[in-house]
Amino acid sequence: AAFLKLLMPVIVVLPGLAAVLLAPDIGR
């Protein structure tokens, strides 16, 4: 589980980071 936790930001955080450039005006 600890190793899986190291991977989780790629799955749950990176899409939000990508939205900074791909959807800069989403509002919420």
PDB file of all heavy atoms in Angstrom:
ATOM      1  N   ALA A   1       0.830  -1.209   0.000  1.00  0.00           N
ATOM      2  CA  ALA A   1       0.000   0.000   0.000  1.00  0.00           C
ATOM      3  C   ALA A   1       0.863   1.257   0.000  1.00  0.00           C
ATOM      4  O   ALA A   1       0.512   2.258  -0.643  1.00  0.00           O
ATOM      5  CB  ALA A   1      -0.929  -0.002   1.217  1.00  0.00           C
ATOM      6  N   ALA A   2       1.994   1.233   0.707  1.00  0.00           N
ATOM      7  CA  ALA A   2       2.891   2.401   0.726  1.00  0.00           C
ATOM      8  C   ALA A   2       3.434   2.701  -0.664  1.00  0.00           C
ATOM      9  O   ALA A   2       3.508   3.864  -1.084  1.00  0.00           O
ATOM     10  CB  ALA A   2       4.034   2.155   1.711  1.00  0.00           C
ATOM     11  N   PHE A   3       3.806   1.660  -1.396  1.00  0.00           N
ATOM     12  CA  PHE A   3       4.282   1.881  -2.770  1.00  0.00           C
ATOM     13  C   PHE A   3       3.160   2.425  -3.660  1.00  0.00           C
ATOM     14  O   PHE A   3       3.392   3.316  -4.500  1.00  0.00           O
ATOM     15  CB  PHE A   3       4.827   0.577  -3.356  1.00  0.00           C
ATOM     16  CG  PHE A   3       6.261   0.301  -2.980  1.00  0.00           C
ATOM     17  CD1 PHE A   3       6.570  -0.696  -2.078  1.00  0.00           C
ATOM     18  CD2 PHE A   3       7.294   1.045  -3.521  1.00  0.00           C
ATOM     19  CE1 PHE A   3       7.887  -0.957  -1.719  1.00  0.00           C
ATOM     20  CE2 PHE A   3       8.613   0.796  -3.180  1.00  0.00           C
ATOM     21  CZ  PHE A   3       8.913  -0.213  -2.268  1.00  0.00           C
ATOM     22  N   LEU A   4       1.956   1.905  -3.489  1.00  0.00           N
ATOM     23  CA  LEU A   4       0.829   2.429  -4.259  1.00  0.00           C
ATOM     24  C   LEU A   4       0.565   3.896  -3.915  1.00  0.00           C
ATOM     25  O   LEU A   4       0.195   4.685  -4.791  1.00  0.00           O
ATOM     26  CB  LEU A   4      -0.424   1.592  -3.999  1.00  0.00           C
ATOM     27  CG  LEU A   4      -0.435   0.187  -4.592  1.00  0.00           C
ATOM     28  CD1 LEU A   4      -1.665  -0.584  -4.129  1.00  0.00           C
ATOM     29  CD2 LEU A   4      -0.399   0.239  -6.120  1.00  0.00           C
ATOM     30  N   LYS A   5       0.770   4.268  -2.655  1.00  0.00           N
ATOM     31  CA  LYS A   5       0.568   5.652  -2.248  1.00  0.00           C
ATOM     32  C   LYS A   5       1.544   6.603  -2.956  1.00  0.00           C
ATOM     33  O   LYS A   5       1.213   7.763  -3.228  1.00  0.00           O
ATOM     34  CB  LYS A   5       0.729   5.789  -0.728  1.00  0.00           C
ATOM     35  CG  LYS A   5      -0.562   5.625   0.038  1.00  0.00           C
ATOM     36  CD  LYS A   5      -1.511   6.764  -0.301  1.00  0.00           C
ATOM     37  CE  LYS A   5      -2.870   6.590   0.299  1.00  0.00           C
ATOM     38  NZ  LYS A   5      -3.814   7.604  -0.155  1.00  0.00           N
ATOM     39  N   LEU A   6       2.746   6.116  -3.240  1.00  0.00           N
ATOM     40  CA  LEU A   6       3.707   6.943  -3.976  1.00  0.00           C
ATOM     41  C   LEU A   6       3.199   7.257  -5.382  1.00  0.00           C
ATOM     42  O   LEU A   6       3.495   8.310  -5.941  1.00  0.00           O
ATOM     43  CB  LEU A   6       5.054   6.226  -4.066  1.00  0.00           C
ATOM     44  CG  LEU A   6       5.781   5.959  -2.749  1.00  0.00           C
ATOM     45  CD1 LEU A   6       7.073   5.184  -3.014  1.00  0.00           C
ATOM     46  CD2 LEU A   6       6.102   7.263  -2.014  1.00  0.00           C
ATOM     47  N   LEU A   7       2.414   6.333  -5.931  1.00  0.00           N
ATOM     48  CA  LEU A   7       1.886   6.498  -7.289  1.00  0.00           C
ATOM     49  C   LEU A   7       0.620   7.345  -7.340  1.00  0.00           C
ATOM     50  O   LEU A   7       0.310   7.957  -8.372  1.00  0.00           O
ATOM     51  CB  LEU A   7       1.611   5.114  -7.881  1.00  0.00           C
ATOM     52  CG  LEU A   7       1.043   5.026  -9.294  1.00  0.00           C
ATOM     53  CD1 LEU A   7       2.040   5.593 -10.303  1.00  0.00           C
ATOM     54  CD2 LEU A   7       0.705   3.572  -9.640  1.00  0.00           C
ATOM     55  N   MET A   8      -0.125   7.410  -6.242  1.00  0.00           N
ATOM     56  CA  MET A   8      -1.450   8.024  -6.254  1.00  0.00           C
ATOM     57  C   MET A   8      -1.495   9.473  -6.752  1.00  0.00           C
ATOM     58  O   MET A   8      -2.445   9.852  -7.438  1.00  0.00           O
ATOM     59  CB  MET A   8      -2.088   7.933  -4.868  1.00  0.00           C
ATOM     60  CG  MET A   8      -2.679   6.584  -4.518  1.00  0.00           C
ATOM     61  SD  MET A   8      -3.973   6.040  -5.682  1.00  0.00           S
ATOM     62  CE  MET A   8      -3.110   4.700  -6.497  1.00  0.00           C
ATOM     63  N   PRO A   9      -0.515  10.340  -6.437  1.00  0.00           N
ATOM     64  CA  PRO A   9      -0.605  11.711  -6.961  1.00  0.00           C
ATOM     65  C   PRO A   9      -0.669  11.789  -8.480  1.00  0.00           C
ATOM     66  O   PRO A   9      -1.251  12.734  -9.029  1.00  0.00           O
ATOM     67  CB  PRO A   9       0.669  12.373  -6.414  1.00  0.00           C
ATOM     68  CG  PRO A   9       0.928  11.650  -5.134  1.00  0.00           C
ATOM     69  CD  PRO A   9       0.566  10.222  -5.439  1.00  0.00           C
ATOM     70  N   VAL A  10      -0.077  10.823  -9.169  1.00  0.00           N
ATOM     71  CA  VAL A  10      -0.175  10.805 -10.628  1.00  0.00           C
ATOM     72  C   VAL A  10      -1.637  10.641 -11.049  1.00  0.00           C
ATOM     73  O   VAL A  10      -2.084  11.201 -12.054  1.00  0.00           O
ATOM     74  CB  VAL A  10       0.678   9.657 -11.218  1.00  0.00           C
ATOM     75  CG1 VAL A  10       0.517   9.588 -12.733  1.00  0.00           C
ATOM     76  CG2 VAL A  10       2.141   9.844 -10.839  1.00  0.00           C
ATOM     77  N   ILE A  11      -2.397   9.908 -10.251  1.00  0.00           N
ATOM     78  CA  ILE A  11      -3.779   9.593 -10.584  1.00  0.00           C
ATOM     79  C   ILE A  11      -4.750  10.654 -10.076  1.00  0.00           C
ATOM     80  O   ILE A  11      -5.706  11.003 -10.775  1.00  0.00           O
ATOM     81  CB  ILE A  11      -4.142   8.209  -9.998  1.00  0.00           C
ATOM     82  CG1 ILE A  11      -3.305   7.139 -10.701  1.00  0.00           C
ATOM     83  CG2 ILE A  11      -5.629   7.903 -10.128  1.00  0.00           C
ATOM     84  CD1 ILE A  11      -3.350   5.787 -10.029  1.00  0.00           C
ATOM     85  N   VAL A  12      -4.513  11.194  -8.873  1.00  0.00           N
ATOM     86  CA  VAL A  12      -5.505  12.087  -8.265  1.00  0.00           C
ATOM     87  C   VAL A  12      -5.094  13.554  -8.262  1.00  0.00           C
ATOM     88  O   VAL A  12      -5.929  14.424  -7.998  1.00  0.00           O
ATOM     89  CB  VAL A  12      -5.838  11.647  -6.822  1.00  0.00           C
ATOM     90  CG1 VAL A  12      -6.403  10.241  -6.809  1.00  0.00           C
ATOM     91  CG2 VAL A  12      -4.624  11.742  -5.903  1.00  0.00           C
ATOM     92  N   VAL A  13      -3.834  13.867  -8.538  1.00  0.00           N
ATOM     93  CA  VAL A  13      -3.388  15.267  -8.530  1.00  0.00           C
ATOM     94  C   VAL A  13      -3.008  15.751  -9.925  1.00  0.00           C
ATOM     95  O   VAL A  13      -3.359  16.868 -10.332  1.00  0.00           O
ATOM     96  CB  VAL A  13      -2.194  15.468  -7.561  1.00  0.00           C
ATOM     97  CG1 VAL A  13      -1.720  16.925  -7.602  1.00  0.00           C
ATOM     98  CG2 VAL A  13      -2.583  15.078  -6.143  1.00  0.00           C
ATOM     99  N   LEU A  14      -2.317  14.914 -10.676  1.00  0.00           N
ATOM    100  CA  LEU A  14      -1.827  15.330 -11.994  1.00  0.00           C
ATOM    101  C   LEU A  14      -2.930  15.791 -12.947  1.00  0.00           C
ATOM    102  O   LEU A  14      -2.728  16.771 -13.687  1.00  0.00           O
ATOM    103  CB  LEU A  14      -1.012  14.195 -12.625  1.00  0.00           C
ATOM    104  CG  LEU A  14      -0.241  14.533 -13.902  1.00  0.00           C
ATOM    105  CD1 LEU A  14       0.662  15.750 -13.698  1.00  0.00           C
ATOM    106  CD2 LEU A  14       0.584  13.333 -14.368  1.00  0.00           C
ATOM    107  N   PRO A  15      -4.112  15.155 -12.985  1.00  0.00           N
ATOM    108  CA  PRO A  15      -5.169  15.694 -13.855  1.00  0.00           C
ATOM    109  C   PRO A  15      -5.530  17.137 -13.528  1.00  0.00           C
ATOM    110  O   PRO A  15      -5.803  17.941 -14.433  1.00  0.00           O
ATOM    111  CB  PRO A  15      -6.346  14.748 -13.599  1.00  0.00           C
ATOM    112  CG  PRO A  15      -5.718  13.462 -13.207  1.00  0.00           C
ATOM    113  CD  PRO A  15      -4.517  13.851 -12.393  1.00  0.00           C
ATOM    114  N   GLY A  16      -5.529  17.498 -12.241  1.00  0.00           N
ATOM    115  CA  GLY A  16      -5.796  18.878 -11.862  1.00  0.00           C
ATOM    116  C   GLY A  16      -4.695  19.814 -12.308  1.00  0.00           C
ATOM    117  O   GLY A  16      -4.957  20.952 -12.745  1.00  0.00           O
ATOM    118  N   LEU A  17      -3.451  19.365 -12.222  1.00  0.00           N
ATOM    119  CA  LEU A  17      -2.331  20.178 -12.711  1.00  0.00           C
ATOM    120  C   LEU A  17      -2.439  20.385 -14.216  1.00  0.00           C
ATOM    121  O   LEU A  17      -2.202  21.498 -14.717  1.00  0.00           O
ATOM    122  CB  LEU A  17      -1.004  19.485 -12.372  1.00  0.00           C
ATOM    123  CG  LEU A  17      -0.625  19.413 -10.890  1.00  0.00           C
ATOM    124  CD1 LEU A  17       0.603  18.523 -10.703  1.00  0.00           C
ATOM    125  CD2 LEU A  17      -0.348  20.801 -10.338  1.00  0.00           C
ATOM    126  N   ALA A  18      -2.790  19.327 -14.939  1.00  0.00           N
ATOM    127  CA  ALA A  18      -2.931  19.453 -16.391  1.00  0.00           C
ATOM    128  C   ALA A  18      -4.027  20.438 -16.762  1.00  0.00           C
ATOM    129  O   ALA A  18      -3.925  21.161 -17.763  1.00  0.00           O
ATOM    130  CB  ALA A  18      -3.221  18.080 -17.003  1.00  0.00           C
ATOM    131  N   ALA A  19      -5.073  20.504 -15.941  1.00  0.00           N
ATOM    132  CA  ALA A  19      -6.184  21.423 -16.223  1.00  0.00           C
ATOM    133  C   ALA A  19      -5.763  22.885 -16.136  1.00  0.00           C
ATOM    134  O   ALA A  19      -6.436  23.755 -16.702  1.00  0.00           O
ATOM    135  CB  ALA A  19      -7.334  21.155 -15.263  1.00  0.00           C
ATOM    136  N   VAL A  20      -4.663  23.171 -15.455  1.00  0.00           N
ATOM    137  CA  VAL A  20      -4.167  24.554 -15.379  1.00  0.00           C
ATOM    138  C   VAL A  20      -3.893  25.094 -16.781  1.00  0.00           C
ATOM    139  O   VAL A  20      -4.167  26.269 -17.081  1.00  0.00           O
ATOM    140  CB  VAL A  20      -2.888  24.619 -14.512  1.00  0.00           C
ATOM    141  CG1 VAL A  20      -2.274  26.018 -14.557  1.00  0.00           C
ATOM    142  CG2 VAL A  20      -3.202  24.226 -13.073  1.00  0.00           C
ATOM    143  N   LEU A  21      -3.361  24.239 -17.670  1.00  0.00           N
ATOM    144  CA  LEU A  21      -3.103  24.669 -19.045  1.00  0.00           C
ATOM    145  C   LEU A  21      -4.244  24.324 -19.993  1.00  0.00           C
ATOM    146  O   LEU A  21      -4.539  25.084 -20.911  1.00  0.00           O
ATOM    147  CB  LEU A  21      -1.810  24.017 -19.558  1.00  0.00           C
ATOM    148  CG  LEU A  21      -0.506  24.384 -18.840  1.00  0.00           C
ATOM    149  CD1 LEU A  21       0.684  23.807 -19.597  1.00  0.00           C
ATOM    150  CD2 LEU A  21      -0.351  25.895 -18.700  1.00  0.00           C
ATOM    151  N   LEU A  22      -4.894  23.191 -19.771  1.00  0.00           N
ATOM    152  CA  LEU A  22      -5.919  22.744 -20.716  1.00  0.00           C
ATOM    153  C   LEU A  22      -7.280  23.384 -20.476  1.00  0.00           C
ATOM    154  O   LEU A  22      -8.090  23.481 -21.398  1.00  0.00           O
ATOM    155  CB  LEU A  22      -6.057  21.221 -20.636  1.00  0.00           C
ATOM    156  CG  LEU A  22      -4.847  20.418 -21.133  1.00  0.00           C
ATOM    157  CD1 LEU A  22      -5.078  18.927 -20.903  1.00  0.00           C
ATOM    158  CD2 LEU A  22      -4.574  20.688 -22.607  1.00  0.00           C
ATOM    159  N   ALA A  23      -7.555  23.800 -19.246  1.00  0.00           N
ATOM    160  CA  ALA A  23      -8.855  24.409 -18.926  1.00  0.00           C
ATOM    161  C   ALA A  23      -8.660  25.513 -17.896  1.00  0.00           C
ATOM    162  O   ALA A  23      -9.121  25.415 -16.758  1.00  0.00           O
ATOM    163  CB  ALA A  23      -9.814  23.352 -18.409  1.00  0.00           C
ATOM    164  N   PRO A  24      -7.959  26.581 -18.265  1.00  0.00           N
ATOM    165  CA  PRO A  24      -7.610  27.619 -17.287  1.00  0.00           C
ATOM    166  C   PRO A  24      -8.802  28.421 -16.772  1.00  0.00           C
ATOM    167  O   PRO A  24      -8.681  29.109 -15.760  1.00  0.00           O
ATOM    168  CB  PRO A  24      -6.648  28.513 -18.068  1.00  0.00           C
ATOM    169  CG  PRO A  24      -7.008  28.303 -19.506  1.00  0.00           C
ATOM    170  CD  PRO A  24      -7.435  26.879 -19.609  1.00  0.00           C
ATOM    171  N   ASP A  25      -9.947  28.336 -17.413  1.00  0.00           N
ATOM    172  CA  ASP A  25     -11.092  29.169 -17.033  1.00  0.00           C
ATOM    173  C   ASP A  25     -12.279  28.344 -16.529  1.00  0.00           C
ATOM    174  O   ASP A  25     -13.437  28.730 -16.724  1.00  0.00           O
ATOM    175  CB  ASP A  25     -11.541  30.012 -18.240  1.00  0.00           C
ATOM    176  CG  ASP A  25     -10.434  30.914 -18.749  1.00  0.00           C
ATOM    177  OD1 ASP A  25      -9.730  31.518 -17.922  1.00  0.00           O
ATOM    178  OD2 ASP A  25     -10.275  31.006 -19.983  1.00  0.00           O
ATOM    179  N   ILE A  26     -12.011  27.225 -15.876  1.00  0.00           N
ATOM    180  CA  ILE A  26     -13.122  26.370 -15.458  1.00  0.00           C
ATOM    181  C   ILE A  26     -13.904  26.940 -14.280  1.00  0.00           C
ATOM    182  O   ILE A  26     -15.017  26.518 -13.996  1.00  0.00           O
ATOM    183  CB  ILE A  26     -12.643  24.949 -15.106  1.00  0.00           C
ATOM    184  CG1 ILE A  26     -11.588  24.984 -13.981  1.00  0.00           C
ATOM    185  CG2 ILE A  26     -12.135  24.228 -16.312  1.00  0.00           C
ATOM    186  CD1 ILE A  26     -11.205  23.593 -13.502  1.00  0.00           C
ATOM    187  N   GLY A  27     -13.332  27.899 -13.555  1.00  0.00           N
ATOM    188  CA  GLY A  27     -14.058  28.500 -12.431  1.00  0.00           C
ATOM    189  C   GLY A  27     -13.841  27.717 -11.150  1.00  0.00           C
ATOM    190  O   GLY A  27     -12.951  28.010 -10.367  1.00  0.00           O
ATOM    191  N   ARG A  28     -14.655  26.700 -10.909  1.00  0.00           N
ATOM    192  CA  ARG A  28     -14.548  25.912  -9.683  1.00  0.00           C
ATOM    193  C   ARG A  28     -13.457  24.860  -9.828  1.00  0.00           C
ATOM    194  O   ARG A  28     -13.479  24.057 -10.765  1.00  0.00           O
ATOM    195  CB  ARG A  28     -15.877  25.229  -9.362  1.00  0.00           C
ATOM    196  CG  ARG A  28     -16.990  26.184  -8.961  1.00  0.00           C
ATOM    197  CD  ARG A  28     -18.273  25.443  -8.619  1.00  0.00           C
ATOM    198  NE  ARG A  28     -18.112  24.634  -7.419  1.00  0.00           N
ATOM    199  CZ  ARG A  28     -18.053  23.296  -7.425  1.00  0.00           C
ATOM    200  NH1 ARG A  28     -18.122  22.633  -8.552  1.00  0.00           N
ATOM    201  NH2 ARG A  28     -17.924  22.646  -6.287  1.00  0.00           N
TER     202      ARG A  28
END
